[in-house]
Amino acid sequence: MKAYKDYRESLMKRLKDPKEAAAYINAASETGEQEDLLVAIRNVVASHGNVQQIAQRAHIPRTHLYSMFGKKGNPEIGTVNRLLPVLGLRFAVAPV
């Protein structure tokens, strides 16, 4: 299982960089699957470490942050807009 651990550690390190995180989330959004996008955002949140601090800075209850990116999560756009700046990101729309 070492290969997985190395990959996960490497991914978490790279996702701390806002440019890497944005590219990662954008790539996940291109699949058209909501679950892929939620997993990508969840991984970016995890890369920043302390979820409690992230939730506080975004003014989102910690339990809500966990549930909105779970398997049945369905975060509202307003909540995502409060979360992204804490991660060094912003919501944007681009032409197809």
N, C-alpha and C. Protein backbone atom coordinates (compact mmCIF):
# COMPACT_ATOMS: atom_id res chain seq x y z
N MET A 1 0.81 -1.21 0.00
CA MET A 1 0.00 0.00 0.00
C MET A 1 0.85 1.26 0.00
N LYS A 2 2.13 1.15 0.01
CA LYS A 2 3.00 2.31 0.04
C LYS A 2 2.77 3.23 -1.16
N ALA A 3 2.54 2.65 -2.34
CA ALA A 3 2.34 3.47 -3.54
C ALA A 3 1.14 4.40 -3.36
N TYR A 4 0.05 3.89 -2.79
CA TYR A 4 -1.12 4.73 -2.56
C TYR A 4 -0.79 5.85 -1.58
N LYS A 5 -0.09 5.50 -0.52
CA LYS A 5 0.25 6.51 0.48
C LYS A 5 1.12 7.60 -0.14
N ASP A 6 2.10 7.21 -0.93
CA ASP A 6 2.95 8.19 -1.59
C ASP A 6 2.15 9.09 -2.53
N TYR A 7 1.22 8.48 -3.27
CA TYR A 7 0.38 9.27 -4.18
C TYR A 7 -0.47 10.26 -3.40
N ARG A 8 -1.11 9.78 -2.34
CA ARG A 8 -1.98 10.63 -1.53
C ARG A 8 -1.20 11.78 -0.91
N GLU A 9 -0.03 11.48 -0.36
CA GLU A 9 0.80 12.53 0.23
C GLU A 9 1.22 13.55 -0.83
N SER A 10 1.60 13.06 -1.99
CA SER A 10 2.00 13.94 -3.08
C SER A 10 0.83 14.81 -3.54
N LEU A 11 -0.33 14.21 -3.67
CA LEU A 11 -1.53 14.95 -4.07
C LEU A 11 -1.85 16.04 -3.06
N MET A 12 -1.85 15.70 -1.77
CA MET A 12 -2.18 16.67 -0.73
C MET A 12 -1.18 17.83 -0.74
N LYS A 13 0.06 17.55 -0.99
CA LYS A 13 1.08 18.60 -1.04
C LYS A 13 0.81 19.52 -2.24
N ARG A 14 0.53 18.93 -3.40
CA ARG A 14 0.29 19.74 -4.60
C ARG A 14 -0.97 20.58 -4.49
N LEU A 15 -2.00 20.05 -3.84
CA LEU A 15 -3.28 20.76 -3.76
C LEU A 15 -3.25 21.95 -2.81
N LYS A 16 -2.19 22.13 -2.07
CA LYS A 16 -2.05 23.34 -1.24
C LYS A 16 -1.80 24.56 -2.11
N ASP A 17 -1.28 24.36 -3.30
CA ASP A 17 -1.03 25.45 -4.26
C ASP A 17 -2.35 25.79 -4.95
N PRO A 18 -2.83 27.04 -4.82
CA PRO A 18 -4.12 27.40 -5.42
C PRO A 18 -4.19 27.13 -6.93
N LYS A 19 -3.10 27.31 -7.65
CA LYS A 19 -3.12 27.05 -9.10
C LYS A 19 -3.33 25.57 -9.37
N GLU A 20 -2.64 24.72 -8.62
CA GLU A 20 -2.81 23.26 -8.76
C GLU A 20 -4.22 22.86 -8.36
N ALA A 21 -4.70 23.43 -7.26
CA ALA A 21 -6.04 23.09 -6.78
C ALA A 21 -7.10 23.49 -7.80
N ALA A 22 -6.95 24.67 -8.39
CA ALA A 22 -7.92 25.12 -9.40
C ALA A 22 -7.91 24.19 -10.61
N ALA A 23 -6.74 23.82 -11.08
CA ALA A 23 -6.65 22.92 -12.24
C ALA A 23 -7.27 21.56 -11.90
N TYR A 24 -7.03 21.07 -10.69
CA TYR A 24 -7.57 19.79 -10.24
C TYR A 24 -9.10 19.82 -10.20
N ILE A 25 -9.65 20.88 -9.62
CA ILE A 25 -11.11 21.01 -9.53
C ILE A 25 -11.71 21.19 -10.92
N ASN A 26 -11.08 21.99 -11.76
CA ASN A 26 -11.59 22.18 -13.12
C ASN A 26 -11.58 20.87 -13.91
N ALA A 27 -10.54 20.08 -13.76
CA ALA A 27 -10.48 18.79 -14.45
C ALA A 27 -11.60 17.88 -13.96
N ALA A 28 -11.86 17.89 -12.67
CA ALA A 28 -12.94 17.06 -12.11
C ALA A 28 -14.30 17.52 -12.62
N SER A 29 -14.46 18.82 -12.82
CA SER A 29 -15.75 19.34 -13.27
C SER A 29 -16.02 18.97 -14.73
N GLU A 30 -14.98 18.70 -15.48
CA GLU A 30 -15.15 18.37 -16.90
C GLU A 30 -15.77 17.00 -17.12
N THR A 31 -15.78 16.15 -16.11
CA THR A 31 -16.40 14.83 -16.28
C THR A 31 -17.92 14.93 -16.34
N GLY A 32 -18.46 16.04 -15.80
CA GLY A 32 -19.90 16.20 -15.78
C GLY A 32 -20.57 15.47 -14.61
N GLU A 33 -19.78 14.79 -13.81
CA GLU A 33 -20.31 14.06 -12.67
C GLU A 33 -20.15 14.87 -11.40
N GLN A 34 -21.25 15.14 -10.71
CA GLN A 34 -21.19 15.94 -9.50
C GLN A 34 -20.29 15.30 -8.45
N GLU A 35 -20.32 13.98 -8.35
CA GLU A 35 -19.52 13.29 -7.34
C GLU A 35 -18.03 13.54 -7.56
N ASP A 36 -17.59 13.59 -8.82
CA ASP A 36 -16.18 13.86 -9.12
C ASP A 36 -15.78 15.25 -8.62
N LEU A 37 -16.66 16.21 -8.85
CA LEU A 37 -16.39 17.58 -8.41
C LEU A 37 -16.35 17.66 -6.89
N LEU A 38 -17.27 16.99 -6.22
CA LEU A 38 -17.30 17.02 -4.76
C LEU A 38 -16.07 16.36 -4.17
N VAL A 39 -15.62 15.26 -4.76
CA VAL A 39 -14.41 14.59 -4.28
C VAL A 39 -13.20 15.51 -4.45
N ALA A 40 -13.13 16.20 -5.57
CA ALA A 40 -12.01 17.11 -5.82
C ALA A 40 -11.98 18.24 -4.80
N ILE A 41 -13.12 18.85 -4.54
CA ILE A 41 -13.16 19.93 -3.55
C ILE A 41 -12.84 19.38 -2.17
N ARG A 42 -13.37 18.21 -1.84
CA ARG A 42 -13.08 17.58 -0.55
C ARG A 42 -11.58 17.34 -0.40
N ASN A 43 -10.91 16.90 -1.46
CA ASN A 43 -9.47 16.67 -1.40
C ASN A 43 -8.71 17.98 -1.21
N VAL A 44 -9.16 19.05 -1.84
CA VAL A 44 -8.51 20.35 -1.66
C VAL A 44 -8.68 20.81 -0.21
N VAL A 45 -9.88 20.66 0.34
CA VAL A 45 -10.10 21.00 1.75
C VAL A 45 -9.17 20.18 2.63
N ALA A 46 -9.09 18.89 2.39
CA ALA A 46 -8.23 18.00 3.19
C ALA A 46 -6.77 18.40 3.09
N SER A 47 -6.35 18.89 1.96
CA SER A 47 -4.95 19.27 1.77
C SER A 47 -4.55 20.44 2.66
N HIS A 48 -5.53 21.22 3.07
CA HIS A 48 -5.27 22.40 3.90
C HIS A 48 -5.26 22.07 5.38
N GLY A 49 -5.48 20.80 5.71
CA GLY A 49 -5.31 20.37 7.09
C GLY A 49 -6.53 20.50 7.97
N ASN A 50 -6.53 21.42 8.87
CA ASN A 50 -7.51 21.53 9.94
C ASN A 50 -8.88 21.97 9.41
N VAL A 51 -9.78 21.00 9.28
CA VAL A 51 -11.12 21.27 8.75
C VAL A 51 -11.88 22.22 9.67
N GLN A 52 -11.68 22.10 10.97
CA GLN A 52 -12.35 22.99 11.92
C GLN A 52 -12.01 24.45 11.63
N GLN A 53 -10.73 24.74 11.42
CA GLN A 53 -10.31 26.11 11.13
C GLN A 53 -10.85 26.59 9.79
N ILE A 54 -10.85 25.72 8.81
CA ILE A 54 -11.38 26.08 7.49
C ILE A 54 -12.86 26.41 7.61
N ALA A 55 -13.60 25.58 8.32
CA ALA A 55 -15.03 25.81 8.51
C ALA A 55 -15.28 27.14 9.23
N GLN A 56 -14.50 27.42 10.27
CA GLN A 56 -14.67 28.67 11.00
C GLN A 56 -14.39 29.88 10.10
N ARG A 57 -13.30 29.81 9.35
CA ARG A 57 -12.95 30.93 8.47
C ARG A 57 -13.99 31.15 7.37
N ALA A 58 -14.65 30.07 6.94
CA ALA A 58 -15.67 30.17 5.89
C ALA A 58 -17.07 30.42 6.46
N HIS A 59 -17.16 30.46 7.80
CA HIS A 59 -18.44 30.65 8.49
C HIS A 59 -19.44 29.56 8.11
N ILE A 60 -18.93 28.31 8.12
CA ILE A 60 -19.72 27.13 7.83
C ILE A 60 -19.55 26.18 9.01
N PRO A 61 -20.64 25.64 9.56
CA PRO A 61 -20.48 24.66 10.63
C PRO A 61 -19.63 23.47 10.15
N ARG A 62 -18.71 23.01 10.98
CA ARG A 62 -17.81 21.92 10.60
C ARG A 62 -18.59 20.69 10.14
N THR A 63 -19.65 20.34 10.85
CA THR A 63 -20.43 19.16 10.47
C THR A 63 -21.08 19.35 9.11
N HIS A 64 -21.48 20.58 8.80
CA HIS A 64 -22.07 20.87 7.50
C HIS A 64 -21.02 20.74 6.40
N LEU A 65 -19.81 21.17 6.69
CA LEU A 65 -18.73 21.06 5.72
C LEU A 65 -18.47 19.59 5.39
N TYR A 66 -18.43 18.75 6.41
CA TYR A 66 -18.23 17.31 6.18
C TYR A 66 -19.37 16.72 5.35
N SER A 67 -20.61 17.05 5.71
CA SER A 67 -21.75 16.44 5.02
C SER A 67 -21.92 16.95 3.60
N MET A 68 -21.59 18.19 3.34
CA MET A 68 -21.82 18.71 1.99
C MET A 68 -20.89 18.10 0.95
N PHE A 69 -19.75 17.54 1.39
CA PHE A 69 -18.85 16.90 0.45
C PHE A 69 -18.83 15.38 0.62
N GLY A 70 -19.81 14.84 1.33
CA GLY A 70 -19.94 13.40 1.46
C GLY A 70 -20.58 12.81 0.21
N LYS A 71 -20.79 11.50 0.22
CA LYS A 71 -21.35 10.82 -0.95
C LYS A 71 -22.72 11.35 -1.35
N LYS A 72 -23.51 11.78 -0.38
CA LYS A 72 -24.84 12.30 -0.69
C LYS A 72 -24.87 13.82 -0.59
N GLY A 73 -23.71 14.43 -0.58
CA GLY A 73 -23.62 15.87 -0.43
C GLY A 73 -24.18 16.61 -1.64
N ASN A 74 -24.70 17.78 -1.37
CA ASN A 74 -25.25 18.63 -2.42
C ASN A 74 -25.10 20.08 -1.96
N PRO A 75 -23.85 20.60 -1.96
CA PRO A 75 -23.64 21.94 -1.41
C PRO A 75 -24.31 23.02 -2.24
N GLU A 76 -24.75 24.04 -1.56
CA GLU A 76 -25.34 25.20 -2.24
C GLU A 76 -24.23 26.09 -2.75
N ILE A 77 -24.49 26.79 -3.82
CA ILE A 77 -23.47 27.64 -4.44
C ILE A 77 -22.98 28.71 -3.48
N GLY A 78 -23.87 29.24 -2.66
CA GLY A 78 -23.47 30.25 -1.68
C GLY A 78 -22.48 29.71 -0.67
N THR A 79 -22.66 28.47 -0.27
CA THR A 79 -21.74 27.84 0.68
C THR A 79 -20.38 27.63 0.02
N VAL A 80 -20.38 27.18 -1.21
CA VAL A 80 -19.13 26.98 -1.95
C VAL A 80 -18.42 28.32 -2.13
N ASN A 81 -19.18 29.38 -2.38
CA ASN A 81 -18.58 30.71 -2.55
C ASN A 81 -17.95 31.22 -1.26
N ARG A 82 -18.43 30.79 -0.10
CA ARG A 82 -17.80 31.17 1.17
C ARG A 82 -16.56 30.33 1.43
N LEU A 83 -16.57 29.10 0.94
CA LEU A 83 -15.46 28.18 1.19
C LEU A 83 -14.25 28.44 0.30
N LEU A 84 -14.47 28.67 -0.98
CA LEU A 84 -13.36 28.77 -1.93
C LEU A 84 -12.32 29.83 -1.57
N PRO A 85 -12.69 31.05 -1.17
CA PRO A 85 -11.67 32.03 -0.82
C PRO A 85 -10.76 31.61 0.33
N VAL A 86 -11.30 30.83 1.25
CA VAL A 86 -10.49 30.32 2.36
C VAL A 86 -9.39 29.39 1.83
N LEU A 87 -9.66 28.75 0.70
CA LEU A 87 -8.72 27.84 0.07
C LEU A 87 -7.83 28.54 -0.96
N GLY A 88 -8.00 29.86 -1.08
CA GLY A 88 -7.22 30.62 -2.06
C GLY A 88 -7.78 30.53 -3.47
N LEU A 89 -9.08 30.23 -3.57
CA LEU A 89 -9.72 30.04 -4.87
C LEU A 89 -10.94 30.95 -5.00
N ARG A 90 -11.48 31.02 -6.20
CA ARG A 90 -12.73 31.72 -6.43
C ARG A 90 -13.53 31.00 -7.50
N PHE A 91 -14.81 31.20 -7.49
CA PHE A 91 -15.69 30.59 -8.47
C PHE A 91 -15.62 31.41 -9.75
N ALA A 92 -15.54 30.73 -10.89
CA ALA A 92 -15.50 31.41 -12.18
C ALA A 92 -16.21 30.56 -13.21
N VAL A 93 -16.68 31.20 -14.26
CA VAL A 93 -17.31 30.51 -15.36
C VAL A 93 -16.54 30.83 -16.63
N ALA A 94 -16.35 29.82 -17.48
CA ALA A 94 -15.59 30.01 -18.71
C ALA A 94 -16.43 29.50 -19.88
N PRO A 95 -16.21 30.05 -21.07
CA PRO A 95 -16.95 29.54 -22.22
C PRO A 95 -16.52 28.12 -22.57
N VAL A 96 -17.42 27.37 -23.15
CA VAL A 96 -17.14 25.98 -23.54
C VAL A 96 -16.22 25.96 -24.75
